[in-house]
Amino acid sequence: MRTYENRTIRVELTEEQSQKWDHCRANILSHAMAVLGNRSEAALLDAENEQPDENEIKKLAIEQLTINYLSEHCHYNVNDVIMRMMTGRRMSEGMQRDVSAATVYATTELRENPNHPAISDARESIINRIEVEKKYRESRANSDWEIEIIGTMPSQIGMCRYQEVAA
């Protein structure tokens, strides 16, 4: 058994496990922290039983209806206009008018028809995104390493929230 540690964690690996990482302390400890972070994030996502927010659903539905409208009515290169709209880039006045008209159309469409199919499509899309995130975090958290926390853990590990109870 080989032991690698810093002020925060201690990792015990078999000779074979260590060899797979070329006995590189930095890479082993970094991977162990990533495993702990992903375990915590996966547990938090499970505990929160995250459901799509109605404002987020409406925003996505408006965005999709806007894109659909632009695809049919845009006076410019539709891909360029959509890319500029989605990334906040500058647009000509004509492009801005097309985007404004599309946004007004989308907003009006949802206001007049609250059960518009775009709402259920947006809800389904967000639910799928949440599920993909959970599966990704669980796959990244999968490890048979013996990882012991010996110090104070940060509240954030990479893109993952860390909480002692969750991990």
C-alpha atoms as a PDB file:
ATOM      1  CA  MET A   1       0.000   0.000   0.000  1.00  0.00           C
ATOM      2  CA  ARG A   2       1.150   3.487  -0.813  1.00  0.00           C
ATOM      3  CA  THR A   3      -0.065   6.541   1.063  1.00  0.00           C
ATOM      4  CA  TYR A   4      -0.305  10.015  -0.429  1.00  0.00           C
ATOM      5  CA  GLU A   5      -1.424  12.975   1.625  1.00  0.00           C
ATOM      6  CA  ASN A   6      -1.509  16.717   1.999  1.00  0.00           C
ATOM      7  CA  ARG A   7      -3.044  18.923   4.703  1.00  0.00           C
ATOM      8  CA  THR A   8      -6.564  18.023   3.563  1.00  0.00           C
ATOM      9  CA  ILE A   9      -6.761  14.394   2.463  1.00  0.00           C
ATOM     10  CA  ARG A  10      -4.964  11.063   2.725  1.00  0.00           C
ATOM     11  CA  VAL A  11      -5.220   8.473  -0.043  1.00  0.00           C
ATOM     12  CA  GLU A  12      -4.177   4.849   0.321  1.00  0.00           C
ATOM     13  CA  LEU A  13      -3.648   2.966  -2.911  1.00  0.00           C
ATOM     14  CA  THR A  14      -2.465  -0.479  -3.762  1.00  0.00           C
ATOM     15  CA  GLU A  15       0.801  -0.697  -5.675  1.00  0.00           C
ATOM     16  CA  GLU A  16      -1.194  -1.451  -8.827  1.00  0.00           C
ATOM     17  CA  GLN A  17      -3.504   1.552  -8.395  1.00  0.00           C
ATOM     18  CA  SER A  18      -0.545   3.813  -7.741  1.00  0.00           C
ATOM     19  CA  GLN A  19       1.288   2.508 -10.787  1.00  0.00           C
ATOM     20  CA  LYS A  20      -1.667   3.444 -13.017  1.00  0.00           C
ATOM     21  CA  TRP A  21      -0.997   7.040 -11.971  1.00  0.00           C
ATOM     22  CA  ASP A  22       2.806   6.648 -12.319  1.00  0.00           C
ATOM     23  CA  HIS A  23       3.106   7.154  -8.545  1.00  0.00           C
ATOM     24  CA  CYS A  24       2.538  10.889  -9.187  1.00  0.00           C
ATOM     25  CA  ARG A  25       1.453  12.391  -5.865  1.00  0.00           C
ATOM     26  CA  ALA A  26       0.025  15.573  -7.425  1.00  0.00           C
ATOM     27  CA  ASN A  27      -2.147  13.726  -9.955  1.00  0.00           C
ATOM     28  CA  ILE A  28      -3.350  11.211  -7.366  1.00  0.00           C
ATOM     29  CA  LEU A  29      -4.320  13.865  -4.821  1.00  0.00           C
ATOM     30  CA  SER A  30      -5.930  15.999  -7.510  1.00  0.00           C
ATOM     31  CA  HIS A  31      -7.994  13.039  -8.730  1.00  0.00           C
ATOM     32  CA  ALA A  32      -9.008  12.176  -5.167  1.00  0.00           C
ATOM     33  CA  MET A  33     -10.249  15.739  -4.599  1.00  0.00           C
ATOM     34  CA  ALA A  34     -12.207  15.566  -7.861  1.00  0.00           C
ATOM     35  CA  VAL A  35     -13.799  12.303  -6.703  1.00  0.00           C
ATOM     36  CA  LEU A  36     -14.801  13.875  -3.371  1.00  0.00           C
ATOM     37  CA  GLY A  37     -16.161  16.971  -5.104  1.00  0.00           C
ATOM     38  CA  ASN A  38     -18.233  14.944  -7.544  1.00  0.00           C
ATOM     39  CA  ARG A  39     -19.545  12.698  -4.758  1.00  0.00           C
ATOM     40  CA  SER A  40     -20.678  15.761  -2.868  1.00  0.00           C
ATOM     41  CA  GLU A  41     -22.236  17.426  -5.921  1.00  0.00           C
ATOM     42  CA  ALA A  42     -24.071  14.215  -6.853  1.00  0.00           C
ATOM     43  CA  ALA A  43     -25.393  13.878  -3.305  1.00  0.00           C
ATOM     44  CA  LEU A  44     -26.489  17.522  -3.255  1.00  0.00           C
ATOM     45  CA  LEU A  45     -28.291  17.155  -6.567  1.00  0.00           C
ATOM     46  CA  ASP A  46     -30.048  14.062  -5.216  1.00  0.00           C
ATOM     47  CA  ALA A  47     -30.954  15.725  -1.920  1.00  0.00           C
ATOM     48  CA  GLU A  48     -32.281  18.850  -3.612  1.00  0.00           C
ATOM     49  CA  ASN A  49     -34.466  16.754  -5.896  1.00  0.00           C
ATOM     50  CA  GLU A  50     -34.044  19.677  -8.233  1.00  0.00           C
ATOM     51  CA  GLN A  51     -37.078  20.594 -10.263  1.00  0.00           C
ATOM     52  CA  PRO A  52     -37.165  23.179 -13.016  1.00  0.00           C
ATOM     53  CA  ASP A  53     -38.047  26.688 -11.933  1.00  0.00           C
ATOM     54  CA  GLU A  54     -41.113  28.155 -13.693  1.00  0.00           C
ATOM     55  CA  ASN A  55     -39.169  31.291 -14.648  1.00  0.00           C
ATOM     56  CA  GLU A  56     -36.396  29.165 -16.136  1.00  0.00           C
ATOM     57  CA  ILE A  57     -38.973  27.156 -18.095  1.00  0.00           C
ATOM     58  CA  LYS A  58     -40.626  30.298 -19.427  1.00  0.00           C
ATOM     59  CA  LYS A  59     -37.264  31.834 -20.351  1.00  0.00           C
ATOM     60  CA  LEU A  60     -36.216  28.701 -22.273  1.00  0.00           C
ATOM     61  CA  ALA A  61     -39.617  28.490 -24.024  1.00  0.00           C
ATOM     62  CA  ILE A  62     -39.353  32.144 -25.112  1.00  0.00           C
ATOM     63  CA  GLU A  63     -35.803  31.536 -26.306  1.00  0.00           C
ATOM     64  CA  GLN A  64     -36.890  28.525 -28.375  1.00  0.00           C
ATOM     65  CA  LEU A  65     -39.911  30.298 -29.854  1.00  0.00           C
ATOM     66  CA  THR A  66     -37.704  33.283 -30.666  1.00  0.00           C
ATOM     67  CA  ILE A  67     -35.244  31.030 -32.485  1.00  0.00           C
ATOM     68  CA  ASN A  68     -38.089  29.318 -34.363  1.00  0.00           C
ATOM     69  CA  TYR A  69     -39.518  32.679 -35.417  1.00  0.00           C
ATOM     70  CA  LEU A  70     -36.100  33.913 -36.553  1.00  0.00           C
ATOM     71  CA  SER A  71     -35.593  30.716 -38.547  1.00  0.00           C
ATOM     72  CA  GLU A  72     -38.682  31.515 -40.584  1.00  0.00           C
ATOM     73  CA  HIS A  73     -38.715  35.327 -40.717  1.00  0.00           C
ATOM     74  CA  CYS A  74     -35.156  36.636 -40.353  1.00  0.00           C
ATOM     75  CA  HIS A  75     -33.916  39.019 -43.032  1.00  0.00           C
ATOM     76  CA  TYR A  76     -30.264  38.183 -42.356  1.00  0.00           C
ATOM     77  CA  ASN A  77     -28.139  35.061 -41.999  1.00  0.00           C
ATOM     78  CA  VAL A  78     -30.246  33.333 -39.367  1.00  0.00           C
ATOM     79  CA  ASN A  79     -27.339  31.379 -37.848  1.00  0.00           C
ATOM     80  CA  ASP A  80     -25.321  34.567 -37.459  1.00  0.00           C
ATOM     81  CA  VAL A  81     -28.239  36.408 -35.852  1.00  0.00           C
ATOM     82  CA  ILE A  82     -28.986  33.553 -33.438  1.00  0.00           C
ATOM     83  CA  MET A  83     -25.300  33.228 -32.506  1.00  0.00           C
ATOM     84  CA  ARG A  84     -25.105  36.976 -31.853  1.00  0.00           C
ATOM     85  CA  MET A  85     -28.332  36.909 -29.840  1.00  0.00           C
ATOM     86  CA  MET A  86     -27.254  33.918 -27.718  1.00  0.00           C
ATOM     87  CA  THR A  87     -23.746  35.239 -27.013  1.00  0.00           C
ATOM     88  CA  GLY A  88     -24.651  38.890 -26.499  1.00  0.00           C
ATOM     89  CA  ARG A  89     -22.631  40.120 -29.463  1.00  0.00           C
ATOM     90  CA  ARG A  90     -23.268  43.326 -31.327  1.00  0.00           C
ATOM     91  CA  MET A  91     -25.887  43.347 -34.072  1.00  0.00           C
ATOM     92  CA  SER A  92     -26.856  45.781 -36.759  1.00  0.00           C
ATOM     93  CA  GLU A  93     -30.067  47.743 -36.231  1.00  0.00           C
ATOM     94  CA  GLY A  94     -31.850  45.468 -38.706  1.00  0.00           C
ATOM     95  CA  MET A  95     -30.730  42.340 -36.838  1.00  0.00           C
ATOM     96  CA  GLN A  96     -31.875  43.925 -33.570  1.00  0.00           C
ATOM     97  CA  ARG A  97     -35.299  44.648 -35.116  1.00  0.00           C
ATOM     98  CA  ASP A  98     -35.612  41.023 -36.242  1.00  0.00           C
ATOM     99  CA  VAL A  99     -34.668  39.768 -32.763  1.00  0.00           C
ATOM    100  CA  SER A 100     -37.063  42.235 -31.092  1.00  0.00           C
ATOM    101  CA  ALA A 101     -39.910  41.157 -33.369  1.00  0.00           C
ATOM    102  CA  ALA A 102     -39.151  37.494 -32.646  1.00  0.00           C
ATOM    103  CA  THR A 103     -39.032  38.116 -28.876  1.00  0.00           C
ATOM    104  CA  VAL A 104     -42.321  40.038 -28.937  1.00  0.00           C
ATOM    105  CA  TYR A 105     -43.898  37.213 -30.933  1.00  0.00           C
ATOM    106  CA  ALA A 106     -42.618  34.569 -28.473  1.00  0.00           C
ATOM    107  CA  THR A 107     -43.703  36.515 -25.389  1.00  0.00           C
ATOM    108  CA  THR A 108     -47.148  37.226 -26.836  1.00  0.00           C
ATOM    109  CA  GLU A 109     -47.571  33.607 -27.921  1.00  0.00           C
ATOM    110  CA  LEU A 110     -46.897  32.330 -24.390  1.00  0.00           C
ATOM    111  CA  ARG A 111     -49.037  35.015 -22.734  1.00  0.00           C
ATOM    112  CA  GLU A 112     -52.019  34.173 -24.956  1.00  0.00           C
ATOM    113  CA  ASN A 113     -51.500  30.420 -24.729  1.00  0.00           C
ATOM    114  CA  PRO A 114     -50.096  29.422 -21.308  1.00  0.00           C
ATOM    115  CA  ASN A 115     -50.356  25.744 -22.302  1.00  0.00           C
ATOM    116  CA  HIS A 116     -48.256  26.223 -25.433  1.00  0.00           C
ATOM    117  CA  PRO A 117     -46.245  23.082 -26.354  1.00  0.00           C
ATOM    118  CA  ALA A 118     -43.045  25.141 -25.987  1.00  0.00           C
ATOM    119  CA  ILE A 119     -43.632  25.191 -22.216  1.00  0.00           C
ATOM    120  CA  SER A 120     -43.735  21.395 -21.903  1.00  0.00           C
ATOM    121  CA  ASP A 121     -40.771  21.089 -24.303  1.00  0.00           C
ATOM    122  CA  ALA A 122     -38.756  23.522 -22.180  1.00  0.00           C
ATOM    123  CA  ARG A 123     -39.708  21.707 -18.950  1.00  0.00           C
ATOM    124  CA  GLU A 124     -38.678  18.370 -20.443  1.00  0.00           C
ATOM    125  CA  SER A 125     -35.407  19.826 -21.717  1.00  0.00           C
ATOM    126  CA  ILE A 126     -34.494  21.204 -18.289  1.00  0.00           C
ATOM    127  CA  ILE A 127     -35.406  17.937 -16.544  1.00  0.00           C
ATOM    128  CA  ASN A 128     -33.210  16.045 -19.022  1.00  0.00           C
ATOM    129  CA  ARG A 129     -30.350  18.483 -18.407  1.00  0.00           C
ATOM    130  CA  ILE A 130     -30.628  17.925 -14.635  1.00  0.00           C
ATOM    131  CA  GLU A 131     -30.621  14.137 -15.081  1.00  0.00           C
ATOM    132  CA  VAL A 132     -27.581  14.274 -17.356  1.00  0.00           C
ATOM    133  CA  GLU A 133     -25.770  16.388 -14.752  1.00  0.00           C
ATOM    134  CA  LYS A 134     -26.606  13.864 -11.996  1.00  0.00           C
ATOM    135  CA  LYS A 135     -25.388  10.916 -14.063  1.00  0.00           C
ATOM    136  CA  TYR A 136     -22.208  12.760 -15.003  1.00  0.00           C
ATOM    137  CA  ARG A 137     -21.418  13.615 -11.363  1.00  0.00           C
ATOM    138  CA  GLU A 138     -22.123  10.049 -10.267  1.00  0.00           C
ATOM    139  CA  SER A 139     -19.829   8.642 -12.959  1.00  0.00           C
ATOM    140  CA  ARG A 140     -17.021  11.018 -11.956  1.00  0.00           C
ATOM    141  CA  ALA A 141     -17.512  10.121  -8.282  1.00  0.00           C
ATOM    142  CA  ASN A 142     -17.107   6.400  -8.898  1.00  0.00           C
ATOM    143  CA  SER A 143     -13.829   5.272  -7.344  1.00  0.00           C
ATOM    144  CA  ASP A 144     -12.621   2.379  -5.220  1.00  0.00           C
ATOM    145  CA  TRP A 145      -9.855   4.444  -3.677  1.00  0.00           C
ATOM    146  CA  GLU A 146      -9.570   4.795   0.088  1.00  0.00           C
ATOM    147  CA  ILE A 147      -9.819   8.555   0.604  1.00  0.00           C
ATOM    148  CA  GLU A 148      -9.721   9.974   4.122  1.00  0.00           C
ATOM    149  CA  ILE A 149     -10.391  13.604   4.956  1.00  0.00           C
ATOM    150  CA  ILE A 150      -7.805  14.781   7.486  1.00  0.00           C
ATOM    151  CA  GLY A 151      -8.154  18.555   7.241  1.00  0.00           C
ATOM    152  CA  THR A 152     -10.552  21.323   6.365  1.00  0.00           C
ATOM    153  CA  MET A 153     -12.244  20.844   3.024  1.00  0.00           C
ATOM    154  CA  PRO A 154     -12.992  23.803   0.751  1.00  0.00           C
ATOM    155  CA  SER A 155     -16.612  24.677   0.001  1.00  0.00           C
ATOM    156  CA  GLN A 156     -15.901  24.405  -3.731  1.00  0.00           C
ATOM    157  CA  ILE A 157     -13.824  21.766  -5.544  1.00  0.00           C
ATOM    158  CA  GLY A 158     -13.538  22.693  -9.190  1.00  0.00           C
ATOM    159  CA  MET A 159     -17.107  23.075 -10.447  1.00  0.00           C
ATOM    160  CA  CYS A 160     -18.556  21.078  -7.528  1.00  0.00           C
ATOM    161  CA  ARG A 161     -20.060  22.330  -4.296  1.00  0.00           C
ATOM    162  CA  TYR A 162     -18.656  20.489  -1.307  1.00  0.00           C
ATOM    163  CA  GLN A 163     -20.517  19.764   1.913  1.00  0.00           C
ATOM    164  CA  GLU A 164     -19.290  17.289   4.532  1.00  0.00           C
ATOM    165  CA  VAL A 165     -22.714  15.773   5.102  1.00  0.00           C
ATOM    166  CA  ALA A 166     -23.296  15.169   1.392  1.00  0.00           C
ATOM    167  CA  ALA A 167     -19.972  13.450   0.719  1.00  0.00           C
END
